Amino acid sequence: MSREIVINTTKHESRIAVVDEGQVAELWVERTRHRTIVGNIYKGRVTKVLPGMQSAFVDLGLERDAFLYVADVLEELEEIESETPDELQLDDVPHRAETSISDLLREGQEIVVQVSKDTIAGKGARITSHVTLPGRFLVYMPTVNHIGVSRRIEDEGERNRLKDILERIRPQGQGGFIVRTAGEGREEEEFRSDLRYLTELWSQIKRRAEKASAPTAVHHDLDLILRTIRDVLSSEFKSVWVDSVDEYQRIVEFLDQIQPQLVPRVRLYRRDEPIFDEFGIEPEIAKALKSKVWLKSGGYIVINQTEALVAIDVNTGKYVGKKNLEETVFRTNLEAAKEIVRQIRLRDLGGIIVLDFIDMEEASNRDKLFATLEEEIRKDRSKTKILQISEFGLIEMTRKRVRQSLERSLTQACPYCSGSGRIKSNTTVALEIWRELMKARDFHEGQDVIVRVNPLVYGALSAGDPIFEEVERTLGIHLVFKPDESLHHEQFDVMRI
């Protein structure tokens, strides 16, 4: 498999793409002024406890108070698992009985928490009291007493070997550990070294928290570049390309400490052509900001993000097939399933996602489609859950949302449509002008009336609209339409002469 990481960095932002078999599979952008706070650890102060919502708000010293749900205070293993850098699997253990948030927290209380989800759509960050510290081969969880192995390590013999190592080296009463994907095949001494580093790091964080006054940050996670090298880079990648000498040296020094065998794969990009243009990434970013995505066959998918969910629709488009309708639909759906997963990863879509594939009559084709979707989704590092095809032909899935999607990160609400994605049609604007003119009572016979409109609306009206001939006859006036680029598409101005 040909996989590469391509890094474009300036003093203003860092952009990182994962290129898989020549296709851009994942993309992350971090602006210098708006760095993510996911993974940061704070000493915060509880500002409000809401028993009715089983949650609390905590002041971290940020613009908005963070949100702490009761499940993020209790030992909810599902939540702990999802906050770790890899898709990990913990052993089954009993959970605590349901407890009220008011029994656990009080207003004014100071607590140490970690950010698990960035501020999204104006909501405060989500936090957890269960800290996870990722290392080279281990993830340390100082607040729980369990061990596990990444679910991506599938060999049962290797899983058992790694668990035996953890049982031997784990200090009793000092929390739990999970072996990361990069730990596959590693020896005991490498795990011991990682364990010593992580436990010492946690000791330093606790000492800083004890001395600090809330609210304050007591630990910052790595920036996007080093975080990607730590969490994403593995032996599966052929190379890491970076276009900055300083970042190249920083990556090499970092890798020399955590995975020295991967240092030779880091390469400095020296060509004049911008690195994202050279690798064909820039056009993919432009496409990822559009709702319609064309398939090679001629079909297409439409992706619409809303506050509640993401809806993805599949259409045959220009593809007419070769045999029959069922075969045409089946082929389109299969191609769409692969592209949908790629777009979900590329755009970093999260929350509830509803897939509306084209209806198929044969149950075997529906089963094959679902199997294809499941196979493709395994490539995704984020936690996902897929439900079977519903009676309406829809597939519902959830994907863990930690940060803003690519679209939300790189765009803002349209000042024309206020984010709705729609503006009034030329005909609608024309009828509004007609109503405005017909309401007027101060015109006189033979008067010239100038109507300034947006050039696009002017183009539609200049062809001659019979409704305005009616206005001229009824009111006895002469209408003159003039284009004005300074006017919004939906605006117009009536001037009497």
Protein backbone atom coordinates (compact mmCIF):
# COMPACT_ATOMS: atom_id res chain seq x y z
CA MET A 1 0.00 0.00 0.00
CA SER A 2 1.34 3.42 -0.99
CA ARG A 3 0.55 5.84 1.84
CA GLU A 4 2.17 9.19 2.44
CA ILE A 5 1.81 12.13 4.80
CA VAL A 6 2.20 15.55 3.18
CA ILE A 7 2.82 18.57 5.42
CA ASN A 8 2.48 22.19 4.34
CA THR A 9 3.36 24.67 7.06
CA THR A 10 3.73 28.44 7.35
CA LYS A 11 3.80 30.83 10.31
CA HIS A 12 0.04 31.27 9.87
CA GLU A 13 -1.20 27.69 9.59
CA SER A 14 -0.31 24.03 9.25
CA ARG A 15 -2.05 21.71 6.78
CA ILE A 16 -1.54 17.96 6.75
CA ALA A 17 -2.90 15.46 4.23
CA VAL A 18 -2.83 11.67 4.21
CA VAL A 19 -2.50 10.45 0.63
CA ASP A 20 -3.59 6.84 0.15
CA GLU A 21 -2.88 5.24 -3.24
CA GLY A 22 -2.72 8.68 -4.85
CA GLN A 23 -6.02 9.85 -3.30
CA VAL A 24 -6.35 12.35 -0.47
CA ALA A 25 -7.95 10.37 2.36
CA GLU A 26 -7.66 12.72 5.33
CA LEU A 27 -6.91 16.39 5.82
CA TRP A 28 -6.30 18.51 8.91
CA VAL A 29 -5.86 22.26 9.18
CA GLU A 30 -4.72 24.17 12.24
CA ARG A 31 -4.43 27.94 12.29
CA THR A 32 -1.81 29.56 14.51
CA ARG A 33 -4.42 31.81 16.11
CA HIS A 34 -6.99 29.05 16.56
CA ARG A 35 -5.19 25.96 17.81
CA THR A 36 -7.26 23.03 18.97
CA ILE A 37 -7.51 22.52 22.71
CA VAL A 38 -8.40 18.81 22.51
CA GLY A 39 -6.03 16.87 24.75
CA ASN A 40 -5.15 19.88 26.91
CA ILE A 41 -5.50 19.44 30.68
CA TYR A 42 -6.89 22.21 32.87
CA LYS A 43 -7.53 22.90 36.50
CA GLY A 44 -11.05 24.26 36.31
CA ARG A 45 -13.72 25.58 38.65
CA VAL A 46 -17.31 24.30 38.58
CA THR A 47 -19.58 27.25 37.88
CA LYS A 48 -22.96 25.54 37.67
CA VAL A 49 -24.36 22.09 38.47
CA LEU A 50 -27.53 21.06 36.60
CA PRO A 51 -29.09 17.92 38.12
CA GLY A 52 -31.92 18.05 35.58
CA MET A 53 -29.39 17.68 32.77
CA GLN A 54 -26.97 15.46 34.73
CA SER A 55 -24.19 17.84 33.78
CA ALA A 56 -22.09 20.75 34.97
CA PHE A 57 -20.37 23.78 33.52
CA VAL A 58 -16.71 24.33 34.33
CA ASP A 59 -14.65 27.51 33.93
CA LEU A 60 -11.32 26.68 32.24
CA GLY A 61 -10.33 30.27 31.62
CA LEU A 62 -11.60 30.11 28.05
CA GLU A 63 -14.18 32.25 26.29
CA ARG A 64 -16.98 29.83 27.18
CA ASP A 65 -17.44 27.47 30.10
CA ALA A 66 -16.80 23.82 29.26
CA PHE A 67 -19.47 21.13 29.48
CA LEU A 68 -18.98 18.13 31.79
CA TYR A 69 -21.54 15.32 31.54
CA VAL A 70 -22.06 12.86 34.40
CA ALA A 71 -20.78 9.98 32.23
CA ASP A 72 -17.48 11.84 31.92
CA VAL A 73 -17.12 11.81 35.69
CA LEU A 74 -18.08 8.19 36.22
CA GLU A 75 -16.17 5.16 35.00
CA GLU A 76 -17.86 4.90 31.62
CA LEU A 77 -15.48 2.76 29.61
CA GLU A 78 -17.19 3.52 26.31
CA GLU A 79 -16.29 7.16 26.80
CA ILE A 80 -12.75 6.44 27.95
CA GLU A 81 -12.18 4.29 24.91
CA SER A 82 -13.38 6.94 22.49
CA GLU A 83 -11.10 9.65 23.88
CA THR A 84 -7.89 7.75 23.17
CA PRO A 85 -5.86 8.54 20.01
CA ASP A 86 -6.45 5.12 18.43
CA GLU A 87 -9.62 3.09 18.14
CA LEU A 88 -8.97 0.98 21.20
CA GLN A 89 -10.83 -1.82 22.93
CA LEU A 90 -10.95 -2.15 26.70
CA ASP A 91 -11.81 -5.34 28.55
CA ASP A 92 -15.36 -5.65 29.83
CA VAL A 93 -15.67 -4.48 33.42
CA PRO A 94 -18.67 -3.57 35.57
CA HIS A 95 -19.85 0.04 35.59
CA ARG A 96 -20.90 2.05 38.61
CA ALA A 97 -24.58 2.42 39.36
CA GLU A 98 -26.27 5.60 38.15
CA THR A 99 -25.28 8.58 40.29
CA SER A 100 -26.58 12.14 40.31
CA ILE A 101 -24.17 14.84 39.13
CA SER A 102 -25.00 16.82 42.32
CA ASP A 103 -23.57 13.96 44.40
CA LEU A 104 -20.26 14.26 42.57
CA LEU A 105 -19.75 17.99 42.04
CA ARG A 106 -20.63 21.27 43.73
CA GLU A 107 -20.37 24.86 42.58
CA GLY A 108 -16.98 26.39 43.28
CA GLN A 109 -15.23 23.01 43.37
CA GLU A 110 -11.86 22.82 41.64
CA ILE A 111 -11.23 19.78 39.42
CA VAL A 112 -8.63 18.58 36.93
CA VAL A 113 -10.15 17.83 33.54
CA GLN A 114 -9.08 17.13 29.96
CA VAL A 115 -10.71 18.55 26.83
CA SER A 116 -12.25 15.78 24.75
CA LYS A 117 -14.10 17.89 22.17
CA ASP A 118 -13.38 21.33 20.75
CA THR A 119 -15.82 24.22 20.79
CA ILE A 120 -18.25 23.38 17.97
CA ALA A 121 -21.12 25.49 16.59
CA GLY A 122 -20.89 27.99 19.41
CA LYS A 123 -21.05 25.34 22.15
CA GLY A 124 -18.41 25.20 24.85
CA ALA A 125 -15.76 22.50 24.83
CA ARG A 126 -16.62 19.09 26.22
CA ILE A 127 -14.39 17.81 29.00
CA THR A 128 -13.79 14.63 30.97
CA SER A 129 -12.29 13.98 34.38
CA HIS A 130 -10.70 10.80 33.03
CA VAL A 131 -7.32 11.83 31.65
CA THR A 132 -5.62 9.91 28.83
CA LEU A 133 -1.94 10.50 28.04
CA PRO A 134 -0.68 8.98 24.76
CA GLY A 135 2.91 7.80 24.47
CA ARG A 136 4.84 5.98 21.76
CA PHE A 137 3.32 2.54 22.32
CA LEU A 138 1.00 3.03 25.29
CA VAL A 139 -1.91 5.19 26.35
CA TYR A 140 -1.87 5.90 30.07
CA MET A 141 -5.17 6.34 31.94
CA PRO A 142 -4.26 7.37 35.48
CA THR A 143 -7.88 7.41 36.73
CA VAL A 144 -8.88 3.83 35.82
CA ASN A 145 -7.36 0.49 36.73
CA HIS A 146 -7.65 -1.57 33.53
CA ILE A 147 -5.52 -2.78 30.67
CA GLY A 148 -6.34 -3.27 26.98
CA VAL A 149 -4.98 -3.62 23.47
CA SER A 150 -5.84 -1.60 20.37
CA ARG A 151 -8.59 -3.26 18.38
CA ARG A 152 -6.49 -2.73 15.26
CA ILE A 153 -4.12 -5.42 16.53
CA GLU A 154 -6.16 -8.42 15.41
CA ASP A 155 -3.81 -11.39 15.94
CA GLU A 156 -5.05 -13.14 19.09
CA GLY A 157 -1.63 -14.50 20.00
CA GLU A 158 -0.07 -11.04 19.81
CA ARG A 159 -2.90 -9.53 21.84
CA ASN A 160 -2.35 -12.08 24.61
CA ARG A 161 1.43 -11.48 24.55
CA LEU A 162 0.92 -7.74 24.92
CA LYS A 163 -1.56 -8.17 27.77
CA ASP A 164 0.91 -10.43 29.59
CA ILE A 165 3.60 -7.74 29.26
CA LEU A 166 1.25 -5.10 30.65
CA GLU A 167 0.32 -7.32 33.59
CA ARG A 168 4.01 -7.72 34.45
CA ILE A 169 5.13 -4.12 34.14
CA ARG A 170 2.05 -2.18 35.30
CA PRO A 171 2.53 -0.66 38.77
CA GLN A 172 -0.35 -1.58 41.04
CA GLY A 173 -2.61 1.30 41.95
CA GLN A 174 -1.20 3.67 39.32
CA GLY A 175 -3.93 3.52 36.71
CA GLY A 176 -4.47 1.62 33.47
CA PHE A 177 -2.73 1.23 30.13
CA ILE A 178 -3.69 0.40 26.58
CA VAL A 179 -1.26 -0.82 23.95
CA ARG A 180 -1.44 1.37 20.86
CA THR A 181 -1.31 0.03 17.31
CA ALA A 182 2.36 1.04 17.08
CA GLY A 183 3.09 -1.34 19.98
CA GLU A 184 2.53 -4.45 17.88
CA GLY A 185 5.69 -6.57 17.90
CA ARG A 186 7.46 -4.37 20.47
CA GLU A 187 9.50 -5.79 23.32
CA GLU A 188 8.99 -5.42 27.05
CA GLU A 189 11.80 -2.90 27.62
CA GLU A 190 10.27 -0.50 25.08
CA PHE A 191 6.98 -0.62 26.97
CA ARG A 192 8.78 -0.09 30.28
CA SER A 193 10.46 3.03 28.89
CA ASP A 194 7.12 4.38 27.65
CA LEU A 195 5.48 3.58 30.97
CA ARG A 196 8.17 5.44 32.95
CA TYR A 197 7.82 8.51 30.72
CA LEU A 198 4.00 8.61 30.99
CA THR A 199 3.82 8.07 34.75
CA GLU A 200 6.42 10.79 35.31
CA LEU A 201 4.51 13.14 33.00
CA TRP A 202 1.35 12.57 35.03
CA SER A 203 3.25 13.26 38.25
CA GLN A 204 4.43 16.58 36.81
CA ILE A 205 0.89 17.50 35.75
CA LYS A 206 -0.45 16.71 39.23
CA ARG A 207 2.25 18.81 40.88
CA ARG A 208 1.46 21.76 38.60
CA ALA A 209 -2.26 21.35 39.30
CA GLU A 210 -1.70 21.33 43.07
CA LYS A 211 0.20 24.62 42.95
CA ALA A 212 -2.01 26.36 40.36
CA SER A 213 -5.13 28.38 41.01
CA ALA A 214 -8.19 27.59 38.88
CA PRO A 215 -8.91 28.27 36.12
CA THR A 216 -5.62 27.53 34.36
CA ALA A 217 -4.01 25.15 31.85
CA VAL A 218 -1.64 22.64 33.42
CA HIS A 219 -0.71 20.67 30.29
CA HIS A 220 -0.84 21.40 26.56
CA ASP A 221 -0.95 18.58 24.05
CA LEU A 222 1.38 18.61 21.04
CA ASP A 223 0.63 20.83 18.05
CA LEU A 224 -0.97 19.39 14.91
CA ILE A 225 2.28 18.36 13.22
CA LEU A 226 3.85 16.44 16.10
CA ARG A 227 0.46 15.08 17.14
CA THR A 228 0.01 13.62 13.65
CA ILE A 229 3.51 12.12 13.73
CA ARG A 230 2.74 10.58 17.12
CA ASP A 231 -0.78 9.32 16.45
CA VAL A 232 -0.91 8.61 12.70
CA LEU A 233 2.56 7.77 11.39
CA SER A 234 3.36 4.06 11.35
CA SER A 235 5.39 1.58 9.33
CA GLU A 236 2.52 1.47 6.80
CA PHE A 237 3.54 4.89 5.49
CA LYS A 238 6.12 5.09 2.73
CA SER A 239 7.18 8.66 3.43
CA VAL A 240 6.46 11.95 5.19
CA TRP A 241 6.96 15.04 3.01
CA VAL A 242 7.40 18.44 4.67
CA ASP A 243 8.10 21.78 3.00
CA SER A 244 9.78 23.57 5.94
CA VAL A 245 13.39 23.06 7.01
CA ASP A 246 12.59 23.95 10.62
CA GLU A 247 9.64 21.56 10.80
CA TYR A 248 11.68 18.85 9.06
CA GLN A 249 14.32 19.09 11.78
CA ARG A 250 11.70 19.17 14.53
CA ILE A 251 9.98 16.05 13.16
CA VAL A 252 13.29 14.18 12.83
CA GLU A 253 14.26 15.04 16.40
CA PHE A 254 10.83 14.01 17.69
CA LEU A 255 10.87 10.71 15.77
CA ASP A 256 14.41 10.01 16.93
CA GLN A 257 12.99 9.85 20.44
CA ILE A 258 9.82 7.86 19.81
CA GLN A 259 10.31 5.77 16.62
CA PRO A 260 13.88 6.15 15.32
CA GLN A 261 13.38 3.46 12.67
CA LEU A 262 10.97 5.80 10.84
CA VAL A 263 13.37 8.78 10.64
CA PRO A 264 14.61 7.86 7.10
CA ARG A 265 11.04 8.17 5.80
CA VAL A 266 10.90 11.90 6.55
CA ARG A 267 11.79 13.90 3.45
CA LEU A 268 12.28 17.62 2.89
CA TYR A 269 10.36 18.99 -0.10
CA ARG A 270 12.61 21.41 -2.03
CA ARG A 271 10.79 22.15 -5.33
CA ASP A 272 9.45 25.57 -6.30
CA GLU A 273 5.96 24.23 -6.98
CA PRO A 274 3.88 24.45 -3.75
CA ILE A 275 3.77 21.04 -2.09
CA PHE A 276 -0.04 20.77 -2.03
CA ASP A 277 -0.16 21.58 -5.75
CA GLU A 278 2.53 19.02 -6.52
CA PHE A 279 0.60 16.25 -4.77
CA GLY A 280 -2.79 17.33 -6.17
CA ILE A 281 -4.14 18.19 -2.73
CA GLU A 282 -5.20 21.79 -3.36
CA PRO A 283 -7.91 20.81 -5.90
CA GLU A 284 -9.21 18.18 -3.46
CA ILE A 285 -9.65 20.84 -0.79
CA ALA A 286 -11.67 22.94 -3.23
CA LYS A 287 -13.86 19.93 -4.07
CA ALA A 288 -14.33 19.10 -0.39
CA LEU A 289 -16.00 22.47 0.15
CA LYS A 290 -18.67 21.74 -2.47
CA SER A 291 -21.83 19.79 -1.79
CA LYS A 292 -21.83 17.77 -5.03
CA VAL A 293 -19.14 15.12 -5.64
CA TRP A 294 -18.99 13.43 -9.04
CA LEU A 295 -18.20 9.72 -9.33
CA LYS A 296 -16.03 8.32 -12.11
CA SER A 297 -19.02 6.46 -13.58
CA GLY A 298 -20.99 9.68 -14.04
CA GLY A 299 -23.11 9.31 -10.92
CA TYR A 300 -22.76 11.73 -8.03
CA ILE A 301 -23.36 12.20 -4.33
CA VAL A 302 -24.68 15.29 -2.56
CA ILE A 303 -23.48 16.10 0.97
CA ASN A 304 -25.48 18.50 3.13
CA GLN A 305 -24.39 19.44 6.65
CA THR A 306 -26.99 20.69 9.12
CA GLU A 307 -26.91 21.37 12.85
CA ALA A 308 -28.70 18.09 13.57
CA LEU A 309 -27.09 15.69 11.11
CA VAL A 310 -25.27 15.17 7.82
CA ALA A 311 -27.40 13.92 4.91
CA ILE A 312 -25.71 12.22 1.94
CA ASP A 313 -27.75 11.42 -1.18
CA VAL A 314 -26.69 9.14 -4.06
CA ASN A 315 -27.80 9.70 -7.67
CA THR A 316 -27.08 7.87 -10.95
CA GLY A 317 -26.50 11.20 -12.76
CA LYS A 318 -25.04 10.61 -16.22
CA TYR A 319 -24.46 6.89 -15.63
CA VAL A 320 -26.94 4.78 -17.62
CA GLY A 321 -25.36 1.35 -17.12
CA LYS A 322 -25.07 -1.55 -19.57
CA LYS A 323 -27.46 -4.33 -18.49
CA ASN A 324 -30.54 -3.36 -16.51
CA LEU A 325 -31.75 -0.85 -13.93
CA GLU A 326 -30.93 -3.00 -10.89
CA GLU A 327 -27.36 -3.53 -12.10
CA THR A 328 -26.94 0.19 -12.85
CA VAL A 329 -28.20 1.17 -9.41
CA PHE A 330 -26.08 -1.49 -7.68
CA ARG A 331 -22.86 -0.38 -9.42
CA THR A 332 -23.58 3.26 -8.64
CA ASN A 333 -24.24 2.49 -4.98
CA LEU A 334 -21.04 0.45 -4.63
CA GLU A 335 -18.93 3.23 -6.15
CA ALA A 336 -20.74 5.78 -4.00
CA ALA A 337 -20.14 3.81 -0.79
CA LYS A 338 -16.37 3.99 -1.24
CA GLU A 339 -16.44 7.68 -2.12
CA ILE A 340 -18.78 8.48 0.76
CA VAL A 341 -16.36 7.01 3.31
CA ARG A 342 -13.47 8.90 1.72
CA GLN A 343 -15.43 12.15 1.85
CA ILE A 344 -16.46 11.54 5.46
CA ARG A 345 -12.81 11.12 6.42
CA LEU A 346 -11.58 13.96 4.22
CA ARG A 347 -14.22 16.43 5.44
CA ASP A 348 -14.04 15.07 9.01
CA LEU A 349 -17.81 14.77 9.22
CA GLY A 350 -19.19 13.70 12.58
CA GLY A 351 -22.34 13.18 14.61
CA ILE A 352 -25.34 11.49 12.98
CA ILE A 353 -24.88 10.75 9.28
CA VAL A 354 -27.76 9.50 7.12
CA LEU A 355 -26.94 7.84 3.78
CA ASP A 356 -29.68 7.73 1.15
CA PHE A 357 -28.57 5.17 -1.42
CA ILE A 358 -30.61 4.47 -4.55
CA ASP A 359 -33.31 1.86 -3.90
CA MET A 360 -32.42 -1.73 -4.85
CA GLU A 361 -34.89 -4.57 -5.24
CA GLU A 362 -32.58 -7.53 -4.57
CA ALA A 363 -31.74 -8.28 -0.92
CA SER A 364 -28.38 -9.78 -1.94
CA ASN A 365 -27.36 -6.45 -3.49
CA ARG A 366 -28.32 -4.59 -0.32
CA ASP A 367 -26.22 -7.02 1.73
CA LYS A 368 -23.23 -6.54 -0.58
CA LEU A 369 -23.58 -2.77 -0.34
CA PHE A 370 -23.65 -2.87 3.45
CA ALA A 371 -20.62 -5.19 3.53
CA THR A 372 -18.72 -2.81 1.24
CA LEU A 373 -19.55 0.14 3.47
CA GLU A 374 -18.40 -1.77 6.56
CA GLU A 375 -15.14 -2.74 4.87
CA GLU A 376 -14.41 0.84 3.81
CA ILE A 377 -15.27 2.30 7.22
CA ARG A 378 -12.62 0.09 8.85
CA LYS A 379 -10.03 2.39 7.27
CA ASP A 380 -11.35 5.23 9.42
CA ARG A 381 -9.48 5.94 12.65
CA SER A 382 -12.48 7.65 14.23
CA LYS A 383 -15.04 5.66 16.15
CA THR A 384 -18.10 4.81 14.04
CA LYS A 385 -21.27 2.79 14.37
CA ILE A 386 -23.42 1.71 11.41
CA LEU A 387 -27.02 0.48 11.46
CA GLN A 388 -28.49 -1.90 8.91
CA ILE A 389 -30.40 -0.55 5.91
CA SER A 390 -33.84 0.64 7.04
CA GLU A 391 -37.15 -0.15 5.35
CA PHE A 392 -36.88 3.23 3.65
CA GLY A 393 -33.51 2.29 2.12
CA LEU A 394 -31.50 4.55 4.45
CA ILE A 395 -28.32 3.71 6.32
CA GLU A 396 -27.78 5.58 9.57
CA MET A 397 -24.38 5.87 11.17
CA THR A 398 -22.64 7.88 13.85
CA ARG A 399 -19.05 9.09 13.79
CA LYS A 400 -17.25 10.57 16.74
CA ARG A 401 -17.01 14.34 16.38
CA VAL A 402 -14.04 15.91 18.18
CA ARG A 403 -13.37 19.02 16.09
CA GLN A 404 -15.10 21.23 13.56
CA SER A 405 -15.55 19.64 10.14
CA LEU A 406 -13.33 20.84 7.30
CA GLU A 407 -16.17 22.93 5.87
CA ARG A 408 -16.88 24.63 9.20
CA SER A 409 -13.15 25.25 9.73
CA LEU A 410 -12.47 26.81 6.34
CA THR A 411 -15.74 28.64 5.65
CA GLN A 412 -18.17 31.03 7.32
CA ALA A 413 -21.90 31.64 6.97
CA CYS A 414 -22.81 33.25 3.66
CA PRO A 415 -23.75 36.92 4.18
CA TYR A 416 -26.30 36.57 1.38
CA CYS A 417 -28.22 33.54 2.60
CA SER A 418 -27.13 33.52 6.30
CA GLY A 419 -25.97 29.95 5.95
CA SER A 420 -29.12 28.51 4.39
CA GLY A 421 -27.37 27.90 1.07
CA ARG A 422 -30.27 29.48 -0.84
CA ILE A 423 -31.16 32.97 -2.06
CA LYS A 424 -34.34 34.32 -3.65
CA SER A 425 -34.79 33.51 -7.31
CA ASN A 426 -34.89 36.18 -10.03
CA THR A 427 -38.63 35.65 -10.38
CA THR A 428 -39.19 36.08 -6.64
CA VAL A 429 -37.23 39.35 -6.66
CA ALA A 430 -39.14 40.53 -9.75
CA LEU A 431 -42.48 39.89 -8.02
CA GLU A 432 -41.31 41.73 -4.92
CA ILE A 433 -40.47 44.75 -7.12
CA TRP A 434 -43.91 44.47 -8.72
CA ARG A 435 -45.64 44.45 -5.31
CA GLU A 436 -43.56 47.41 -4.13
CA LEU A 437 -44.50 49.43 -7.22
CA MET A 438 -48.18 48.51 -7.03
CA LYS A 439 -48.30 49.65 -3.38
CA ALA A 440 -47.05 53.13 -4.26
CA ARG A 441 -49.60 55.96 -4.41
CA ASP A 442 -47.42 58.97 -5.22
CA PHE A 443 -46.59 58.38 -8.90
CA HIS A 444 -47.91 60.82 -11.51
CA GLU A 445 -48.82 60.27 -15.15
CA GLY A 446 -45.80 59.91 -17.45
CA GLN A 447 -43.28 59.83 -14.63
CA ASP A 448 -39.94 58.07 -15.20
CA VAL A 449 -39.14 55.53 -12.44
CA ILE A 450 -35.65 54.02 -12.19
CA VAL A 451 -35.32 50.61 -10.53
CA ARG A 452 -31.76 49.64 -9.57
CA VAL A 453 -31.19 45.88 -9.27
CA ASN A 454 -28.37 43.38 -9.01
CA PRO A 455 -26.82 42.64 -12.48
CA LEU A 456 -28.01 39.03 -12.41
CA VAL A 457 -31.58 40.11 -11.77
CA TYR A 458 -31.20 42.83 -14.42
CA GLY A 459 -30.19 40.18 -16.96
CA ALA A 460 -33.42 38.32 -16.30
CA LEU A 461 -35.60 41.45 -16.43
CA SER A 462 -34.01 43.05 -19.48
CA ALA A 463 -35.54 40.37 -21.69
CA GLY A 464 -38.89 42.01 -21.00
CA ASP A 465 -41.30 40.82 -18.33
CA PRO A 466 -45.06 41.25 -19.08
CA ILE A 467 -45.84 41.96 -15.42
CA PHE A 468 -43.95 45.26 -15.67
CA GLU A 469 -45.78 46.19 -18.84
CA GLU A 470 -48.92 45.81 -16.72
CA VAL A 471 -47.41 48.11 -14.05
CA GLU A 472 -46.64 50.79 -16.66
CA ARG A 473 -50.19 50.61 -18.08
CA THR A 474 -51.86 50.59 -14.67
CA LEU A 475 -49.81 53.36 -13.06
CA GLY A 476 -49.11 55.35 -16.21
CA ILE A 477 -45.36 55.44 -15.59
CA HIS A 478 -42.21 54.55 -17.54
CA LEU A 479 -39.92 51.98 -15.88
CA VAL A 480 -36.16 51.99 -16.42
CA PHE A 481 -34.14 49.10 -14.97
CA LYS A 482 -30.44 49.69 -14.23
CA PRO A 483 -27.83 47.16 -13.06
CA ASP A 484 -25.92 48.00 -9.88
CA GLU A 485 -23.14 45.67 -8.70
CA SER A 486 -23.21 47.19 -5.21
CA LEU A 487 -26.65 45.70 -4.58
CA HIS A 488 -27.17 42.29 -3.00
CA HIS A 489 -28.97 39.81 -5.25
CA GLU A 490 -32.17 40.27 -3.27
CA GLN A 491 -32.00 44.07 -2.98
CA PHE A 492 -33.53 46.70 -5.25
CA ASP A 493 -34.01 50.45 -5.12
CA VAL A 494 -36.92 52.43 -6.64
CA MET A 495 -36.02 56.01 -7.62
CA ARG A 496 -38.54 58.57 -8.80
CA ILE A 497 -37.41 61.25 -11.26
